[in-house]
Amino acid sequence: MPELKEEIKAAVDDIRTKAGAEIADKIEDSLISIVTKTNSMVTQSRELESEVKELRAEAYNKRHALKDYEKEAQTKIQDYEDKIKTLEENSNDEETKVEMDRLRDFEKETIESQRSDFKSFVEGVKDNARFEKVSSRFKLPSNDDGIDFEGFAQMQYDDLKHNLSQMRDLQELEYFDSTPEKPKGSPPPGGKAQRGSDKSFEEQMKMAKSRKEIQEVMDAHGMG
């Protein structure tokens, strides 16, 4: 984008020179407007890039925090299963039964939390273009409409453990975060009629309500 500022400024200076003093004076306001808007777009693009980097860093930290949590939860589940087995073997008194019930409740809550985390993961990536290529790695409940999200609540624990393992592998590879970048300097797709006039660009920028919409407009005009 810094190169764009220099290119636009050079082009405007060239127009002034070729147009001559009399014409250049008449269109000076328009030329200044072009340079000002270009500078504004470059600044906006830099801000968007900074926000994207922050969002990616935040997503990375959350993925690793989730992985650590799942590892800790799995260890606790195994520990409690061992304790339950020991208690069952050694005693049948009321205090022991209460402790066993408490441990079973904790185990159930932990598994439900893992089911919920995995369901949220699938809901977040199911529309990603890359999901179809790896969907067979998961053991997902299905119905006539595709993935049966209601069926996640009845997912067997062995299937859940398998799915969590596959999920962690893809998250560590950042499989769904990778998007191909456009070659630098490549022209925007389509001709001017397809891309719209400068006026349509200004109108589209005014109508954009989010960072995503702003980036889409800039990409469509070859400024992404």
C-alpha atoms as a PDB file:
ATOM      1  CA  MET A   1       0.000   0.000   0.000  1.00  0.00           C
ATOM      2  CA  PRO A   2       2.797   2.555   0.604  1.00  0.00           C
ATOM      3  CA  GLU A   3       3.780   1.958  -3.029  1.00  0.00           C
ATOM      4  CA  LEU A   4       0.218   2.845  -4.050  1.00  0.00           C
ATOM      5  CA  LYS A   5       0.525   6.258  -2.390  1.00  0.00           C
ATOM      6  CA  GLU A   6       3.698   7.002  -4.297  1.00  0.00           C
ATOM      7  CA  GLU A   7       2.223   5.745  -7.578  1.00  0.00           C
ATOM      8  CA  ILE A   8      -0.919   7.874  -7.209  1.00  0.00           C
ATOM      9  CA  LYS A   9       1.129  10.963  -6.263  1.00  0.00           C
ATOM     10  CA  ALA A  10       3.415  10.439  -9.263  1.00  0.00           C
ATOM     11  CA  ALA A  11       0.409   9.993 -11.556  1.00  0.00           C
ATOM     12  CA  VAL A  12      -1.206  13.193 -10.251  1.00  0.00           C
ATOM     13  CA  ASP A  13       2.026  15.144 -10.693  1.00  0.00           C
ATOM     14  CA  ASP A  14       2.276  13.801 -14.235  1.00  0.00           C
ATOM     15  CA  ILE A  15      -1.292  14.948 -14.958  1.00  0.00           C
ATOM     16  CA  ARG A  16      -0.475  18.442 -13.685  1.00  0.00           C
ATOM     17  CA  THR A  17       2.598  18.628 -15.915  1.00  0.00           C
ATOM     18  CA  LYS A  18       0.898  17.361 -19.050  1.00  0.00           C
ATOM     19  CA  ALA A  19      -2.295  19.349 -18.559  1.00  0.00           C
ATOM     20  CA  GLY A  20      -0.532  22.681 -18.395  1.00  0.00           C
ATOM     21  CA  ALA A  21      -0.873  25.407 -15.823  1.00  0.00           C
ATOM     22  CA  GLU A  22      -4.314  26.664 -16.933  1.00  0.00           C
ATOM     23  CA  ILE A  23      -6.049  23.259 -16.948  1.00  0.00           C
ATOM     24  CA  ALA A  24      -4.139  22.021 -13.906  1.00  0.00           C
ATOM     25  CA  ASP A  25      -5.405  24.996 -11.958  1.00  0.00           C
ATOM     26  CA  LYS A  26      -9.006  24.114 -12.862  1.00  0.00           C
ATOM     27  CA  ILE A  27      -8.712  20.495 -11.770  1.00  0.00           C
ATOM     28  CA  GLU A  28      -6.429  21.078  -8.782  1.00  0.00           C
ATOM     29  CA  ASP A  29      -9.184  20.371  -6.255  1.00  0.00           C
ATOM     30  CA  SER A  30      -9.944  17.049  -7.928  1.00  0.00           C
ATOM     31  CA  LEU A  31      -6.267  16.099  -7.992  1.00  0.00           C
ATOM     32  CA  ILE A  32      -5.875  16.941  -4.321  1.00  0.00           C
ATOM     33  CA  SER A  33      -8.993  14.884  -3.568  1.00  0.00           C
ATOM     34  CA  ILE A  34      -7.490  11.850  -5.325  1.00  0.00           C
ATOM     35  CA  VAL A  35      -4.286  12.052  -3.291  1.00  0.00           C
ATOM     36  CA  THR A  36      -6.160  12.647  -0.018  1.00  0.00           C
ATOM     37  CA  LYS A  37      -8.493   9.689  -0.552  1.00  0.00           C
ATOM     38  CA  THR A  38      -5.586   7.450  -1.482  1.00  0.00           C
ATOM     39  CA  ASN A  39      -3.755   8.384   1.708  1.00  0.00           C
ATOM     40  CA  SER A  40      -6.931   7.711   3.684  1.00  0.00           C
ATOM     41  CA  MET A  41      -7.327   4.261   2.121  1.00  0.00           C
ATOM     42  CA  VAL A  42      -3.711   3.363   2.838  1.00  0.00           C
ATOM     43  CA  THR A  43      -4.096   4.420   6.476  1.00  0.00           C
ATOM     44  CA  GLN A  44      -7.328   2.458   6.762  1.00  0.00           C
ATOM     45  CA  SER A  45      -5.695  -0.606   5.221  1.00  0.00           C
ATOM     46  CA  ARG A  46      -2.840  -0.462   7.736  1.00  0.00           C
ATOM     47  CA  GLU A  47      -5.310  -0.247  10.603  1.00  0.00           C
ATOM     48  CA  LEU A  48      -7.208  -3.258   9.246  1.00  0.00           C
ATOM     49  CA  GLU A  49      -3.988  -5.260   8.888  1.00  0.00           C
ATOM     50  CA  SER A  50      -3.098  -4.465  12.489  1.00  0.00           C
ATOM     51  CA  GLU A  51      -6.534  -5.575  13.708  1.00  0.00           C
ATOM     52  CA  VAL A  52      -6.298  -8.804  11.691  1.00  0.00           C
ATOM     53  CA  LYS A  53      -2.919  -9.588  13.275  1.00  0.00           C
ATOM     54  CA  GLU A  54      -4.377  -8.996  16.740  1.00  0.00           C
ATOM     55  CA  LEU A  55      -7.363 -11.253  16.002  1.00  0.00           C
ATOM     56  CA  ARG A  56      -5.092 -14.015  14.714  1.00  0.00           C
ATOM     57  CA  ALA A  57      -2.909 -13.773  17.814  1.00  0.00           C
ATOM     58  CA  GLU A  58      -5.982 -13.930  20.032  1.00  0.00           C
ATOM     59  CA  ALA A  59      -7.300 -16.991  18.151  1.00  0.00           C
ATOM     60  CA  TYR A  60      -3.895 -18.669  18.482  1.00  0.00           C
ATOM     61  CA  ASN A  61      -3.820 -18.098  22.247  1.00  0.00           C
ATOM     62  CA  LYS A  62      -7.367 -19.411  22.655  1.00  0.00           C
ATOM     63  CA  ARG A  63      -6.585 -22.561  20.671  1.00  0.00           C
ATOM     64  CA  HIS A  64      -3.607 -23.354  22.866  1.00  0.00           C
ATOM     65  CA  ALA A  65      -5.511 -22.548  26.051  1.00  0.00           C
ATOM     66  CA  LEU A  66      -8.261 -24.931  24.915  1.00  0.00           C
ATOM     67  CA  LYS A  67      -5.695 -27.629  24.158  1.00  0.00           C
ATOM     68  CA  ASP A  68      -4.157 -27.273  27.632  1.00  0.00           C
ATOM     69  CA  TYR A  69      -7.603 -27.379  29.222  1.00  0.00           C
ATOM     70  CA  GLU A  70      -8.580 -30.529  27.323  1.00  0.00           C
ATOM     71  CA  LYS A  71      -5.333 -32.247  28.286  1.00  0.00           C
ATOM     72  CA  GLU A  72      -5.845 -31.371  31.950  1.00  0.00           C
ATOM     73  CA  ALA A  73      -9.496 -32.465  31.842  1.00  0.00           C
ATOM     74  CA  GLN A  74      -8.584 -35.791  30.263  1.00  0.00           C
ATOM     75  CA  THR A  75      -6.000 -36.436  32.966  1.00  0.00           C
ATOM     76  CA  LYS A  76      -8.518 -35.618  35.694  1.00  0.00           C
ATOM     77  CA  ILE A  77     -11.121 -37.914  34.146  1.00  0.00           C
ATOM     78  CA  GLN A  78      -8.664 -40.814  34.191  1.00  0.00           C
ATOM     79  CA  ASP A  79      -7.663 -40.050  37.778  1.00  0.00           C
ATOM     80  CA  TYR A  80     -11.287 -39.981  38.915  1.00  0.00           C
ATOM     81  CA  GLU A  81     -12.082 -43.187  37.055  1.00  0.00           C
ATOM     82  CA  ASP A  82      -9.222 -44.864  38.909  1.00  0.00           C
ATOM     83  CA  LYS A  83     -10.452 -43.494  42.242  1.00  0.00           C
ATOM     84  CA  ILE A  84     -13.994 -44.684  41.579  1.00  0.00           C
ATOM     85  CA  LYS A  85     -12.754 -48.157  40.762  1.00  0.00           C
ATOM     86  CA  THR A  86     -10.640 -48.259  43.935  1.00  0.00           C
ATOM     87  CA  LEU A  87     -13.530 -47.060  46.088  1.00  0.00           C
ATOM     88  CA  GLU A  88     -15.879 -49.612  44.590  1.00  0.00           C
ATOM     89  CA  GLU A  89     -13.408 -52.385  45.344  1.00  0.00           C
ATOM     90  CA  ASN A  90     -12.591 -51.366  48.908  1.00  0.00           C
ATOM     91  CA  SER A  91     -15.786 -50.121  50.489  1.00  0.00           C
ATOM     92  CA  ASN A  92     -19.589 -49.960  50.272  1.00  0.00           C
ATOM     93  CA  ASP A  93     -20.359 -47.475  53.053  1.00  0.00           C
ATOM     94  CA  GLU A  94     -22.523 -44.351  52.588  1.00  0.00           C
ATOM     95  CA  GLU A  95     -19.609 -41.893  52.663  1.00  0.00           C
ATOM     96  CA  THR A  96     -17.911 -43.775  49.867  1.00  0.00           C
ATOM     97  CA  LYS A  97     -21.076 -43.775  47.762  1.00  0.00           C
ATOM     98  CA  VAL A  98     -21.412 -40.015  48.183  1.00  0.00           C
ATOM     99  CA  GLU A  99     -17.808 -39.516  47.047  1.00  0.00           C
ATOM    100  CA  MET A 100     -18.351 -41.809  44.086  1.00  0.00           C
ATOM    101  CA  ASP A 101     -21.473 -39.875  43.053  1.00  0.00           C
ATOM    102  CA  ARG A 102     -19.540 -36.614  43.282  1.00  0.00           C
ATOM    103  CA  LEU A 103     -16.764 -37.987  41.104  1.00  0.00           C
ATOM    104  CA  ARG A 104     -19.233 -39.325  38.552  1.00  0.00           C
ATOM    105  CA  ASP A 105     -20.978 -35.933  38.380  1.00  0.00           C
ATOM    106  CA  PHE A 106     -17.661 -34.188  37.783  1.00  0.00           C
ATOM    107  CA  GLU A 107     -16.769 -36.684  35.072  1.00  0.00           C
ATOM    108  CA  LYS A 108     -20.139 -36.155  33.384  1.00  0.00           C
ATOM    109  CA  GLU A 109     -19.813 -32.348  33.479  1.00  0.00           C
ATOM    110  CA  THR A 110     -16.298 -32.502  32.020  1.00  0.00           C
ATOM    111  CA  ILE A 111     -17.392 -34.741  29.153  1.00  0.00           C
ATOM    112  CA  GLU A 112     -20.371 -32.487  28.429  1.00  0.00           C
ATOM    113  CA  SER A 113     -18.012 -29.504  28.295  1.00  0.00           C
ATOM    114  CA  GLN A 114     -15.799 -31.333  25.803  1.00  0.00           C
ATOM    115  CA  ARG A 115     -18.838 -32.196  23.667  1.00  0.00           C
ATOM    116  CA  SER A 116     -19.837 -28.535  23.689  1.00  0.00           C
ATOM    117  CA  ASP A 117     -16.320 -27.397  22.711  1.00  0.00           C
ATOM    118  CA  PHE A 118     -16.192 -29.866  19.828  1.00  0.00           C
ATOM    119  CA  LYS A 119     -19.663 -28.892  18.630  1.00  0.00           C
ATOM    120  CA  SER A 120     -18.657 -25.203  18.616  1.00  0.00           C
ATOM    121  CA  PHE A 121     -15.550 -26.089  16.628  1.00  0.00           C
ATOM    122  CA  VAL A 122     -17.552 -27.965  13.946  1.00  0.00           C
ATOM    123  CA  GLU A 123     -20.137 -25.176  13.734  1.00  0.00           C
ATOM    124  CA  GLY A 124     -17.299 -22.703  13.176  1.00  0.00           C
ATOM    125  CA  VAL A 125     -15.582 -24.619  10.351  1.00  0.00           C
ATOM    126  CA  LYS A 126     -18.403 -26.539   8.605  1.00  0.00           C
ATOM    127  CA  ASP A 127     -18.773 -23.822   5.950  1.00  0.00           C
ATOM    128  CA  ASN A 128     -15.027 -23.494   5.399  1.00  0.00           C
ATOM    129  CA  ALA A 129     -14.015 -24.590   1.890  1.00  0.00           C
ATOM    130  CA  ARG A 130     -11.415 -26.917   3.401  1.00  0.00           C
ATOM    131  CA  PHE A 131     -13.768 -28.753   5.767  1.00  0.00           C
ATOM    132  CA  GLU A 132     -15.074 -31.151   3.111  1.00  0.00           C
ATOM    133  CA  LYS A 133     -11.542 -32.481   2.559  1.00  0.00           C
ATOM    134  CA  VAL A 134     -11.095 -33.509   6.198  1.00  0.00           C
ATOM    135  CA  SER A 135     -14.684 -34.225   7.323  1.00  0.00           C
ATOM    136  CA  SER A 136     -14.121 -37.985   6.949  1.00  0.00           C
ATOM    137  CA  ARG A 137     -11.503 -37.815   9.742  1.00  0.00           C
ATOM    138  CA  PHE A 138     -14.297 -37.135  12.235  1.00  0.00           C
ATOM    139  CA  LYS A 139     -16.997 -39.434  13.577  1.00  0.00           C
ATOM    140  CA  LEU A 140     -19.977 -37.105  13.249  1.00  0.00           C
ATOM    141  CA  PRO A 141     -23.671 -37.867  13.768  1.00  0.00           C
ATOM    142  CA  SER A 142     -25.660 -37.213  10.587  1.00  0.00           C
ATOM    143  CA  ASN A 143     -29.199 -36.941   9.274  1.00  0.00           C
ATOM    144  CA  ASP A 144     -30.887 -36.195   5.956  1.00  0.00           C
ATOM    145  CA  ASP A 145     -29.712 -32.571   6.117  1.00  0.00           C
ATOM    146  CA  GLY A 146     -26.059 -33.462   6.775  1.00  0.00           C
ATOM    147  CA  ILE A 147     -24.438 -33.034  10.214  1.00  0.00           C
ATOM    148  CA  ASP A 148     -26.857 -33.744  13.067  1.00  0.00           C
ATOM    149  CA  PHE A 149     -25.828 -31.182  15.671  1.00  0.00           C
ATOM    150  CA  GLU A 150     -28.536 -32.377  18.064  1.00  0.00           C
ATOM    151  CA  GLY A 151     -26.845 -35.780  18.014  1.00  0.00           C
ATOM    152  CA  PHE A 152     -23.656 -34.389  19.563  1.00  0.00           C
ATOM    153  CA  ALA A 153     -25.297 -34.707  22.991  1.00  0.00           C
ATOM    154  CA  GLN A 154     -25.456 -38.520  22.566  1.00  0.00           C
ATOM    155  CA  MET A 155     -21.965 -38.936  21.094  1.00  0.00           C
ATOM    156  CA  GLN A 156     -20.160 -41.907  22.620  1.00  0.00           C
ATOM    157  CA  TYR A 157     -17.092 -40.989  24.657  1.00  0.00           C
ATOM    158  CA  ASP A 158     -14.717 -43.059  22.510  1.00  0.00           C
ATOM    159  CA  ASP A 159     -15.953 -41.177  19.431  1.00  0.00           C
ATOM    160  CA  LEU A 160     -15.613 -37.879  21.286  1.00  0.00           C
ATOM    161  CA  LYS A 161     -11.997 -38.646  22.238  1.00  0.00           C
ATOM    162  CA  HIS A 162     -11.253 -39.526  18.617  1.00  0.00           C
ATOM    163  CA  ASN A 163     -12.861 -36.295  17.373  1.00  0.00           C
ATOM    164  CA  LEU A 164     -11.035 -34.135  19.922  1.00  0.00           C
ATOM    165  CA  SER A 165      -7.729 -35.659  18.838  1.00  0.00           C
ATOM    166  CA  GLN A 166      -8.455 -34.888  15.172  1.00  0.00           C
ATOM    167  CA  MET A 167      -9.597 -31.381  16.086  1.00  0.00           C
ATOM    168  CA  ARG A 168      -6.367 -30.662  17.996  1.00  0.00           C
ATOM    169  CA  ASP A 169      -4.254 -31.920  15.102  1.00  0.00           C
ATOM    170  CA  LEU A 170      -5.967 -29.547  12.643  1.00  0.00           C
ATOM    171  CA  GLN A 171      -5.833 -26.629  15.087  1.00  0.00           C
ATOM    172  CA  GLU A 172      -2.108 -27.094  15.670  1.00  0.00           C
ATOM    173  CA  LEU A 173      -1.606 -27.085  11.893  1.00  0.00           C
ATOM    174  CA  GLU A 174      -3.791 -23.933  11.701  1.00  0.00           C
ATOM    175  CA  TYR A 175      -5.490 -25.784   8.856  1.00  0.00           C
ATOM    176  CA  PHE A 176      -8.608 -23.632   8.741  1.00  0.00           C
ATOM    177  CA  ASP A 177      -6.718 -20.357   9.303  1.00  0.00           C
ATOM    178  CA  SER A 178      -4.550 -20.610   6.177  1.00  0.00           C
ATOM    179  CA  THR A 179      -5.827 -18.626   3.203  1.00  0.00           C
ATOM    180  CA  PRO A 180      -3.914 -18.134  -0.060  1.00  0.00           C
ATOM    181  CA  GLU A 181      -2.688 -14.597  -0.566  1.00  0.00           C
ATOM    182  CA  LYS A 182      -3.135 -12.750  -3.824  1.00  0.00           C
ATOM    183  CA  PRO A 183       0.111 -12.087  -5.730  1.00  0.00           C
ATOM    184  CA  LYS A 184       1.398  -8.579  -5.080  1.00  0.00           C
ATOM    185  CA  GLY A 185       0.877  -6.195  -7.948  1.00  0.00           C
ATOM    186  CA  SER A 186      -1.782  -8.337  -9.639  1.00  0.00           C
ATOM    187  CA  PRO A 187      -4.624  -6.320 -11.193  1.00  0.00           C
ATOM    188  CA  PRO A 188      -8.142  -6.611  -9.771  1.00  0.00           C
ATOM    189  CA  PRO A 189     -10.410  -9.137 -11.534  1.00  0.00           C
ATOM    190  CA  GLY A 190     -12.560  -7.921 -14.444  1.00  0.00           C
ATOM    191  CA  GLY A 191     -12.474  -4.714 -16.419  1.00  0.00           C
ATOM    192  CA  LYS A 192     -13.431  -1.268 -15.270  1.00  0.00           C
ATOM    193  CA  ALA A 193     -17.093  -1.927 -16.025  1.00  0.00           C
ATOM    194  CA  GLN A 194     -17.030  -4.902 -13.663  1.00  0.00           C
ATOM    195  CA  ARG A 195     -15.084  -3.135 -10.920  1.00  0.00           C
ATOM    196  CA  GLY A 196     -17.212  -0.016 -10.998  1.00  0.00           C
ATOM    197  CA  SER A 197     -16.280   3.648 -11.303  1.00  0.00           C
ATOM    198  CA  ASP A 198     -14.491   5.755  -8.687  1.00  0.00           C
ATOM    199  CA  LYS A 199     -17.865   7.068  -7.658  1.00  0.00           C
ATOM    200  CA  SER A 200     -19.224   3.560  -7.063  1.00  0.00           C
ATOM    201  CA  PHE A 201     -16.140   2.789  -4.967  1.00  0.00           C
ATOM    202  CA  GLU A 202     -16.792   5.815  -2.767  1.00  0.00           C
ATOM    203  CA  GLU A 203     -20.428   4.811  -2.385  1.00  0.00           C
ATOM    204  CA  GLN A 204     -19.486   1.238  -1.516  1.00  0.00           C
ATOM    205  CA  MET A 205     -16.994   2.425   1.117  1.00  0.00           C
ATOM    206  CA  LYS A 206     -19.672   4.627   2.690  1.00  0.00           C
ATOM    207  CA  MET A 207     -22.105   1.703   2.783  1.00  0.00           C
ATOM    208  CA  ALA A 208     -19.581  -0.706   4.368  1.00  0.00           C
ATOM    209  CA  LYS A 209     -20.523  -1.254   8.019  1.00  0.00           C
ATOM    210  CA  SER A 210     -17.779  -3.595   9.206  1.00  0.00           C
ATOM    211  CA  ARG A 211     -14.061  -4.289   8.759  1.00  0.00           C
ATOM    212  CA  LYS A 212     -14.937  -7.326   6.657  1.00  0.00           C
ATOM    213  CA  GLU A 213     -17.167  -5.318   4.300  1.00  0.00           C
ATOM    214  CA  ILE A 214     -14.549  -2.581   3.963  1.00  0.00           C
ATOM    215  CA  GLN A 215     -11.870  -5.175   3.113  1.00  0.00           C
ATOM    216  CA  GLU A 216     -14.177  -6.806   0.537  1.00  0.00           C
ATOM    217  CA  VAL A 217     -14.750  -3.476  -1.215  1.00  0.00           C
ATOM    218  CA  MET A 218     -11.008  -2.754  -1.281  1.00  0.00           C
ATOM    219  CA  ASP A 219     -10.237  -6.249  -2.593  1.00  0.00           C
ATOM    220  CA  ALA A 220     -12.819  -5.826  -5.352  1.00  0.00           C
ATOM    221  CA  HIS A 221     -11.041  -2.661  -6.487  1.00  0.00           C
ATOM    222  CA  GLY A 222      -7.569  -4.167  -6.282  1.00  0.00           C
ATOM    223  CA  MET A 223      -6.568  -2.350  -3.102  1.00  0.00           C
ATOM    224  CA  GLY A 224      -6.511  -5.279  -0.677  1.00  0.00           C
END
